[in-house]
Amino acid sequence: MDAALKALTVVVVVLVVASLVASATIVQSTPIEMVRIIIGLKDYRDIEKLRMQCVSCSLVSEIPEIRAVVVEVPKQVVDKLKNLPFVAYVEDDEEVKALQEVQWNVEMIYAPDVWTTYNVSYGDAAYGYQVTIRVAVLDTGIDYKHPDLQGAVSYCIVSLNNGKTFYRGTDLSKCDDRNGHGTHVAGIIAARLNGFGVAGVAPKAVLYTVKVLSAGGNGYVSDVAKGIIEATKGPDGKPGTDDDADVISMSLGGPDSQTLHNAVEYAYNYSVTLVAAAGNEGASSPSCPACYPEVIAVGAIDSSGNVPSWSNKNPTVVAPGVNILSTYPGGKYAYMSGTSMACPHVSATAALIQALRLAAHLRKLTPSEVKGVIASTAIDLGPQSYDPLYGYGIVNALRSCF
């Protein structure tokens, strides 16, 4: 064989080998993607049919009581299994997570950081408890028997039907919540940190429930005004004493009223911090009582920090108010949205501020000072400084304390 022929033979052999290698690479099988699914059978005896017709099924577990089996199969087989005549349904065996007690809204305002920063030095005050600190919730009442509100409510005031229905005392059943709104608000403030359900911003705070709204969620100006005054006087009926409400939280709103403003001024002059929902009309200014200068007006934001279109503009600050999970009557939990849900975040922050100051042997701040601290320490989310959407920004519980 001459030299040229030998060279050609070598080239051909090399090309053939290269071709075989390339072919082997191309036809190499890809890994089969396995998925875990639940198959519901119309008759559990058909499990044998399933074994015969799905040889690629790997049985993981059986739940014969509900005619279900858990199997691992190649992903491409799933649609075929759905068409088998004895199969009732096919669904993914998805992960289920435990309910997180401290929800995103509480974390968003840094309340847990207050707890961890100050509990060693100041004990329960870091969670909103101090012997003389009380938060009055003017609303539809509170389900005081709710497992997450056990021990949270100590006093009841009722002012309904233009004052025709009135009560003040410790019979909490008279302030039971037949609507749900007040219980939801109360949970945002003080749901207990107990290992289940949800936790409030001040999970050891003590509440006064002031029922000024009916089961339908409505009330009268005179009833709200009366509720503010009675909360200010506290159980002993005397304003300016230790059992007065230190914070009044009002997740309600309506038109301007001289009577309502007079009641707000009455509480303010007795050193009560007043907090109110800005309102949900998408208006250019807060509804009242949030409209008054003595009151901290609270607008809403969602979990991304956006202000919803319905949150009234020009608040003092904003707080989480969209899809908030909190307590609900009957031992339940519910998601609700509104500036009503934003307001109690700030009310609870005010309680943390005052409880910690007393625990540190400092004087309580005046309502004006509380408002100033909450505004000046807020996280500025909009244009620099104050703006109509965010006010001074989102309330920051950790920065507000001390």
Protein backbone atom coordinates (compact mmCIF):
# COMPACT_ATOMS: atom_id res chain seq x y z
CA MET A 1 0.00 0.00 0.00
CA ASP A 2 1.55 3.29 -1.06
CA ALA A 3 1.98 6.23 1.28
CA ALA A 4 -1.00 8.19 -0.11
CA LEU A 5 -3.39 5.27 0.37
CA LYS A 6 -2.16 4.68 3.93
CA ALA A 7 -2.74 8.35 4.78
CA LEU A 8 -6.28 8.20 3.35
CA THR A 9 -7.03 5.06 5.37
CA VAL A 10 -5.87 6.74 8.60
CA VAL A 11 -8.04 9.79 7.88
CA VAL A 12 -11.10 7.62 7.23
CA VAL A 13 -10.55 5.65 10.45
CA VAL A 14 -10.16 8.86 12.46
CA LEU A 15 -13.34 10.30 10.94
CA VAL A 16 -15.32 7.14 11.67
CA VAL A 17 -14.14 7.06 15.29
CA ALA A 18 -14.93 10.77 15.70
CA SER A 19 -18.36 10.19 14.20
CA LEU A 20 -19.07 7.35 16.62
CA VAL A 21 -17.98 9.46 19.57
CA ALA A 22 -20.17 12.33 18.41
CA SER A 23 -23.12 9.98 17.91
CA ALA A 24 -22.65 8.57 21.39
CA THR A 25 -22.77 12.10 22.83
CA ILE A 26 -25.93 12.98 20.92
CA VAL A 27 -27.93 9.89 21.90
CA GLN A 28 -26.89 9.98 25.55
CA SER A 29 -30.15 9.83 27.59
CA THR A 30 -31.18 12.79 29.80
CA PRO A 31 -32.14 12.18 33.47
CA ILE A 32 -35.81 11.35 33.98
CA GLU A 33 -37.59 13.97 36.10
CA MET A 34 -39.55 12.24 38.84
CA VAL A 35 -42.46 13.91 40.63
CA ARG A 36 -44.47 12.95 43.69
CA ILE A 37 -48.23 12.97 43.20
CA ILE A 38 -51.41 11.89 44.94
CA ILE A 39 -53.80 9.70 42.96
CA GLY A 40 -57.40 9.48 44.09
CA LEU A 41 -59.09 6.24 43.06
CA LYS A 42 -62.80 5.80 42.40
CA ASP A 43 -62.62 2.41 44.08
CA TYR A 44 -59.67 1.51 46.28
CA ARG A 45 -59.66 -2.04 44.94
CA ASP A 46 -58.46 -0.52 41.66
CA ILE A 47 -55.03 -0.07 43.19
CA GLU A 48 -54.10 -3.37 41.51
CA LYS A 49 -55.12 -1.95 38.13
CA LEU A 50 -52.92 1.05 38.85
CA ARG A 51 -49.95 -1.20 39.61
CA MET A 52 -50.46 -3.12 36.38
CA GLN A 53 -50.96 -0.12 34.10
CA CYS A 54 -48.31 2.12 35.65
CA VAL A 55 -45.16 0.03 35.88
CA SER A 56 -43.11 3.20 36.32
CA CYS A 57 -45.08 4.18 39.44
CA SER A 58 -43.21 3.84 42.70
CA LEU A 59 -45.65 3.55 45.60
CA VAL A 60 -44.73 5.86 48.50
CA SER A 61 -47.73 5.55 50.82
CA GLU A 62 -51.40 4.64 50.94
CA ILE A 63 -54.41 6.38 52.50
CA PRO A 64 -57.12 3.75 51.91
CA GLU A 65 -59.70 5.56 54.06
CA ILE A 66 -60.01 8.26 51.39
CA ARG A 67 -59.06 6.02 48.42
CA ALA A 68 -55.74 7.79 47.83
CA VAL A 69 -52.19 6.67 47.09
CA VAL A 70 -48.97 8.66 46.94
CA VAL A 71 -46.61 7.66 44.13
CA GLU A 72 -43.45 8.85 42.44
CA VAL A 73 -43.61 8.76 38.62
CA PRO A 74 -41.82 10.25 35.63
CA LYS A 75 -43.26 13.70 34.98
CA GLN A 76 -44.29 12.78 31.43
CA VAL A 77 -46.57 10.02 32.73
CA VAL A 78 -48.79 12.28 34.87
CA ASP A 79 -51.19 13.34 32.11
CA LYS A 80 -51.70 9.72 31.06
CA LEU A 81 -52.60 8.76 34.61
CA LYS A 82 -55.29 11.44 34.69
CA ASN A 83 -57.05 9.71 31.77
CA LEU A 84 -57.26 6.26 33.34
CA PRO A 85 -60.95 5.37 33.83
CA PHE A 86 -60.57 4.28 37.46
CA VAL A 87 -58.68 7.45 38.52
CA ALA A 88 -60.81 10.16 40.20
CA TYR A 89 -58.11 12.82 40.41
CA VAL A 90 -54.37 13.46 40.28
CA GLU A 91 -52.67 16.28 42.16
CA ASP A 92 -49.20 17.29 43.29
CA ASP A 93 -48.20 16.29 46.81
CA GLU A 94 -47.26 19.84 47.78
CA GLU A 95 -45.55 21.12 50.91
CA VAL A 96 -47.64 22.59 53.70
CA LYS A 97 -46.00 25.13 55.99
CA ALA A 98 -46.82 25.92 59.59
CA LEU A 99 -48.53 29.25 60.18
CA GLN A 100 -45.90 31.80 61.13
CA GLU A 101 -46.92 33.44 64.36
CA VAL A 102 -45.07 36.70 63.71
CA GLN A 103 -46.51 37.86 60.42
CA TRP A 104 -44.83 40.07 57.81
CA ASN A 105 -46.68 43.20 58.93
CA VAL A 106 -45.33 43.01 62.47
CA GLU A 107 -41.83 42.38 61.16
CA MET A 108 -42.14 45.23 58.66
CA ILE A 109 -42.35 47.82 61.44
CA TYR A 110 -39.51 46.15 63.41
CA ALA A 111 -41.62 45.27 66.44
CA PRO A 112 -39.78 41.95 67.07
CA ASP A 113 -36.55 43.95 67.25
CA VAL A 114 -38.03 45.93 70.12
CA TRP A 115 -38.80 42.68 71.95
CA THR A 116 -35.32 41.21 71.49
CA THR A 117 -33.47 44.47 72.12
CA TYR A 118 -35.18 45.43 75.37
CA ASN A 119 -36.66 42.33 77.00
CA VAL A 120 -33.48 41.50 78.95
CA SER A 121 -33.28 44.97 80.50
CA TYR A 122 -36.96 45.84 80.79
CA GLY A 123 -38.85 42.54 80.77
CA ASP A 124 -42.52 42.64 79.77
CA ALA A 125 -42.35 46.36 78.98
CA ALA A 126 -40.57 45.36 75.76
CA TYR A 127 -43.84 43.66 74.78
CA GLY A 128 -46.08 46.57 75.73
CA TYR A 129 -46.93 45.69 79.33
CA GLN A 130 -46.56 48.09 82.23
CA VAL A 131 -48.81 48.28 85.27
CA THR A 132 -50.39 51.59 84.29
CA ILE A 133 -50.29 51.41 80.46
CA ARG A 134 -53.61 50.76 78.71
CA VAL A 135 -54.71 50.94 75.06
CA ALA A 136 -58.38 51.71 74.45
CA VAL A 137 -59.79 50.22 71.25
CA LEU A 138 -62.83 52.18 70.03
CA ASP A 139 -64.58 49.76 67.68
CA THR A 140 -67.20 46.99 67.45
CA GLY A 141 -66.04 45.30 70.65
CA ILE A 142 -63.51 42.49 71.13
CA ASP A 143 -63.85 38.72 71.35
CA TYR A 144 -62.09 38.63 74.72
CA LYS A 145 -62.41 34.82 74.81
CA HIS A 146 -60.31 34.37 71.68
CA PRO A 147 -57.34 32.04 72.47
CA ASP A 148 -54.90 34.64 71.15
CA LEU A 149 -56.43 37.42 73.28
CA GLN A 150 -56.67 35.59 76.58
CA GLY A 151 -56.08 38.08 79.38
CA ALA A 152 -55.60 40.99 77.00
CA VAL A 153 -58.85 42.84 77.81
CA SER A 154 -59.47 44.21 81.29
CA TYR A 155 -62.29 46.77 81.01
CA CYS A 156 -65.41 47.41 78.92
CA ILE A 157 -67.21 50.58 77.89
CA VAL A 158 -70.35 50.58 75.74
CA SER A 159 -71.82 53.68 74.12
CA LEU A 160 -74.33 52.87 71.38
CA ASN A 161 -77.58 54.25 69.95
CA ASN A 162 -76.76 57.89 70.73
CA GLY A 163 -75.87 56.94 74.28
CA LYS A 164 -79.14 55.10 74.95
CA THR A 165 -77.14 51.93 75.47
CA PHE A 166 -74.39 52.67 77.94
CA TYR A 167 -72.18 50.57 80.20
CA ARG A 168 -68.85 50.84 81.94
CA GLY A 169 -67.39 48.03 84.02
CA THR A 170 -65.68 44.65 84.02
CA ASP A 171 -68.46 42.55 82.48
CA LEU A 172 -66.59 41.98 79.24
CA SER A 173 -69.51 40.08 77.70
CA LYS A 174 -71.25 43.41 77.19
CA CYS A 175 -68.42 44.36 74.80
CA ASP A 176 -68.42 41.11 72.85
CA ASP A 177 -67.75 41.60 69.13
CA ARG A 178 -70.58 40.61 66.78
CA ASN A 179 -68.93 42.10 63.72
CA GLY A 180 -65.27 41.03 63.68
CA HIS A 181 -63.65 44.36 62.94
CA GLY A 182 -62.77 45.21 66.54
CA THR A 183 -61.33 41.76 67.26
CA HIS A 184 -59.15 42.00 64.16
CA VAL A 185 -57.85 45.41 65.25
CA ALA A 186 -57.24 44.17 68.79
CA GLY A 187 -55.17 41.25 67.51
CA ILE A 188 -52.88 43.57 65.55
CA ILE A 189 -52.20 45.42 68.78
CA ALA A 190 -52.04 42.67 71.38
CA ALA A 191 -52.44 39.09 70.10
CA ARG A 192 -50.37 37.05 72.53
CA LEU A 193 -46.93 35.70 71.66
CA ASN A 194 -47.85 32.17 72.70
CA GLY A 195 -46.57 29.83 70.01
CA PHE A 196 -49.71 29.67 67.88
CA GLY A 197 -51.94 31.88 65.78
CA VAL A 198 -50.54 35.36 65.27
CA ALA A 199 -48.69 37.89 67.41
CA GLY A 200 -49.52 41.56 67.84
CA VAL A 201 -47.09 44.46 67.79
CA ALA A 202 -47.35 44.79 71.59
CA PRO A 203 -48.19 41.18 72.55
CA LYS A 204 -48.46 41.80 76.29
CA ALA A 205 -50.36 45.08 76.18
CA VAL A 206 -53.56 45.45 78.21
CA LEU A 207 -56.65 46.67 76.35
CA TYR A 208 -59.82 48.55 77.19
CA THR A 209 -62.57 47.62 74.76
CA VAL A 210 -64.83 50.57 73.96
CA LYS A 211 -67.83 49.49 71.93
CA VAL A 212 -69.02 52.49 69.92
CA LEU A 213 -69.89 50.71 66.67
CA SER A 214 -72.81 48.33 66.20
CA ALA A 215 -72.75 44.80 64.82
CA GLY A 216 -73.19 46.41 61.41
CA GLY A 217 -69.99 48.42 61.87
CA ASN A 218 -71.73 51.80 62.20
CA GLY A 219 -72.08 54.30 65.02
CA TYR A 220 -72.79 57.90 65.91
CA VAL A 221 -70.52 60.87 66.53
CA SER A 222 -71.95 61.26 70.03
CA ASP A 223 -71.11 57.64 70.88
CA VAL A 224 -67.53 57.97 69.64
CA ALA A 225 -67.13 61.21 71.59
CA LYS A 226 -68.54 59.57 74.73
CA GLY A 227 -66.23 56.58 74.23
CA ILE A 228 -63.16 58.84 74.01
CA ILE A 229 -64.11 60.66 77.22
CA GLU A 230 -64.90 57.48 79.17
CA ALA A 231 -61.65 55.83 78.05
CA THR A 232 -59.79 58.93 79.20
CA LYS A 233 -61.40 58.72 82.64
CA GLY A 234 -60.72 54.99 83.01
CA PRO A 235 -62.37 52.63 85.51
CA ASP A 236 -62.17 55.07 88.42
CA GLY A 237 -64.14 57.67 86.45
CA LYS A 238 -61.50 60.36 87.02
CA PRO A 239 -59.28 61.75 84.26
CA GLY A 240 -55.62 62.30 84.98
CA THR A 241 -55.15 59.13 87.06
CA ASP A 242 -53.12 55.98 86.53
CA ASP A 243 -55.99 53.88 85.18
CA ASP A 244 -56.73 56.24 82.26
CA ALA A 245 -56.19 54.94 78.76
CA ASP A 246 -52.72 56.01 77.64
CA VAL A 247 -53.47 55.40 73.96
CA ILE A 248 -56.83 55.54 72.17
CA SER A 249 -56.93 53.61 68.91
CA MET A 250 -59.71 54.54 66.48
CA SER A 251 -60.10 52.46 63.33
CA LEU A 252 -63.12 54.46 62.30
CA GLY A 253 -63.88 57.70 60.53
CA GLY A 254 -66.51 60.14 59.40
CA PRO A 255 -67.16 63.84 58.77
CA ASP A 256 -65.76 66.74 60.74
CA SER A 257 -67.66 67.38 63.96
CA GLN A 258 -67.21 69.96 66.70
CA THR A 259 -68.42 67.44 69.28
CA LEU A 260 -65.88 64.86 68.12
CA HIS A 261 -63.06 67.40 68.07
CA ASN A 262 -63.96 68.59 71.55
CA ALA A 263 -63.73 65.00 72.82
CA VAL A 264 -60.35 64.58 71.12
CA GLU A 265 -59.08 67.76 72.76
CA TYR A 266 -60.39 66.56 76.13
CA ALA A 267 -58.34 63.35 75.90
CA TYR A 268 -55.32 65.15 74.48
CA ASN A 269 -55.32 67.63 77.36
CA TYR A 270 -55.18 64.69 79.77
CA SER A 271 -52.07 63.32 78.01
CA VAL A 272 -53.78 60.57 76.01
CA THR A 273 -52.15 59.72 72.68
CA LEU A 274 -54.82 59.46 69.97
CA VAL A 275 -54.34 57.39 66.81
CA ALA A 276 -56.87 57.04 63.99
CA ALA A 277 -57.27 55.46 60.57
CA ALA A 278 -56.86 57.94 57.70
CA GLY A 279 -59.82 56.42 55.83
CA ASN A 280 -60.42 54.34 52.73
CA GLU A 281 -62.08 56.73 50.29
CA GLY A 282 -59.00 57.64 48.27
CA ALA A 283 -59.58 61.23 49.38
CA SER A 284 -56.99 64.00 49.43
CA SER A 285 -57.11 64.26 53.24
CA PRO A 286 -57.88 61.98 56.21
CA SER A 287 -61.40 61.49 57.54
CA CYS A 288 -62.14 62.53 61.12
CA PRO A 289 -60.97 62.07 63.87
CA ALA A 290 -57.72 61.43 61.95
CA CYS A 291 -58.18 64.89 60.43
CA TYR A 292 -57.51 66.69 63.73
CA PRO A 293 -54.00 67.97 64.54
CA GLU A 294 -54.02 66.27 67.95
CA VAL A 295 -54.39 62.84 66.28
CA ILE A 296 -51.81 60.63 64.56
CA ALA A 297 -53.40 59.84 61.18
CA VAL A 298 -52.38 56.48 59.71
CA GLY A 299 -52.49 55.52 56.04
CA ALA A 300 -51.99 52.03 54.60
CA ILE A 301 -49.28 50.28 52.61
CA ASP A 302 -48.99 46.75 51.25
CA SER A 303 -46.19 44.22 51.80
CA SER A 304 -44.18 45.83 48.98
CA GLY A 305 -44.41 49.29 50.52
CA ASN A 306 -46.96 50.61 48.02
CA VAL A 307 -49.84 52.85 49.04
CA PRO A 308 -53.18 51.44 47.77
CA SER A 309 -55.37 53.84 45.80
CA TRP A 310 -58.09 53.75 48.46
CA SER A 311 -55.88 54.97 51.34
CA ASN A 312 -56.65 58.62 52.07
CA LYS A 313 -53.78 61.00 51.41
CA ASN A 314 -51.80 63.26 53.73
CA PRO A 315 -51.52 60.94 56.75
CA THR A 316 -48.99 61.47 59.51
CA VAL A 317 -47.40 58.08 58.80
CA VAL A 318 -48.28 54.80 57.09
CA ALA A 319 -48.33 51.20 58.30
CA PRO A 320 -49.21 47.77 56.86
CA GLY A 321 -52.88 47.65 55.94
CA VAL A 322 -53.34 45.22 53.05
CA ASN A 323 -54.14 41.52 53.56
CA ILE A 324 -53.37 41.57 57.27
CA LEU A 325 -53.93 38.30 59.13
CA SER A 326 -55.28 38.78 62.63
CA THR A 327 -57.72 37.46 65.20
CA TYR A 328 -61.43 37.05 64.41
CA PRO A 329 -64.43 36.13 66.60
CA GLY A 330 -65.00 32.49 67.47
CA GLY A 331 -61.33 31.65 67.85
CA LYS A 332 -60.78 32.24 64.15
CA TYR A 333 -58.30 34.23 62.06
CA ALA A 334 -59.01 36.35 59.01
CA TYR A 335 -57.34 38.54 56.41
CA MET A 336 -58.60 42.11 56.25
CA SER A 337 -57.48 45.28 54.48
CA GLY A 338 -57.92 48.97 55.20
CA THR A 339 -56.45 51.88 57.08
CA SER A 340 -58.36 50.31 59.99
CA MET A 341 -55.67 47.63 59.96
CA ALA A 342 -52.84 50.16 59.62
CA CYS A 343 -53.97 52.26 62.61
CA PRO A 344 -53.40 49.65 65.37
CA HIS A 345 -49.77 49.15 64.31
CA VAL A 346 -49.13 52.74 65.36
CA SER A 347 -51.33 52.53 68.46
CA ALA A 348 -49.30 49.53 69.65
CA THR A 349 -46.05 51.34 68.89
CA ALA A 350 -47.18 54.22 71.09
CA ALA A 351 -47.86 51.70 73.88
CA LEU A 352 -44.36 50.23 73.49
CA ILE A 353 -42.83 53.70 73.71
CA GLN A 354 -44.63 54.58 76.95
CA ALA A 355 -44.22 51.17 78.61
CA LEU A 356 -40.48 51.13 78.00
CA ARG A 357 -40.02 54.69 79.24
CA LEU A 358 -41.76 53.92 82.51
CA ALA A 359 -39.76 50.71 82.89
CA ALA A 360 -36.58 52.80 82.44
CA HIS A 361 -37.81 55.24 85.14
CA LEU A 362 -38.38 57.99 82.57
CA ARG A 363 -41.49 60.12 82.31
CA LYS A 364 -44.13 59.30 79.74
CA LEU A 365 -44.01 61.39 76.59
CA THR A 366 -46.78 63.88 75.95
CA PRO A 367 -49.13 63.13 73.02
CA SER A 368 -47.34 65.81 71.00
CA GLU A 369 -43.98 64.22 71.76
CA VAL A 370 -45.23 60.73 70.85
CA LYS A 371 -46.49 62.04 67.52
CA GLY A 372 -43.19 63.83 66.92
CA VAL A 373 -41.09 60.76 67.72
CA ILE A 374 -43.17 58.46 65.53
CA ALA A 375 -43.01 60.96 62.65
CA SER A 376 -39.30 61.74 62.97
CA THR A 377 -38.21 58.09 63.20
CA ALA A 378 -40.44 56.82 60.38
CA ILE A 379 -38.77 55.19 57.37
CA ASP A 380 -39.06 57.67 54.52
CA LEU A 381 -40.49 55.72 51.58
CA GLY A 382 -41.62 58.46 49.21
CA PRO A 383 -40.01 61.73 48.14
CA GLN A 384 -37.63 63.12 50.76
CA SER A 385 -39.31 64.33 53.93
CA TYR A 386 -43.10 64.65 54.12
CA ASP A 387 -45.22 63.74 51.08
CA PRO A 388 -48.98 63.28 50.53
CA LEU A 389 -48.81 59.52 49.93
CA TYR A 390 -46.60 58.29 52.78
CA GLY A 391 -46.71 61.22 55.18
CA TYR A 392 -43.40 61.01 57.05
CA GLY A 393 -43.02 57.34 56.10
CA ILE A 394 -43.67 53.91 57.60
CA VAL A 395 -43.74 53.67 61.37
CA ASN A 396 -40.61 52.08 62.85
CA ALA A 397 -41.24 50.68 66.32
CA LEU A 398 -37.55 50.11 67.09
CA ARG A 399 -36.45 53.63 66.21
CA SER A 400 -39.42 55.10 68.08
CA CYS A 401 -38.46 53.60 71.43
CA PHE A 402 -36.11 55.82 73.43
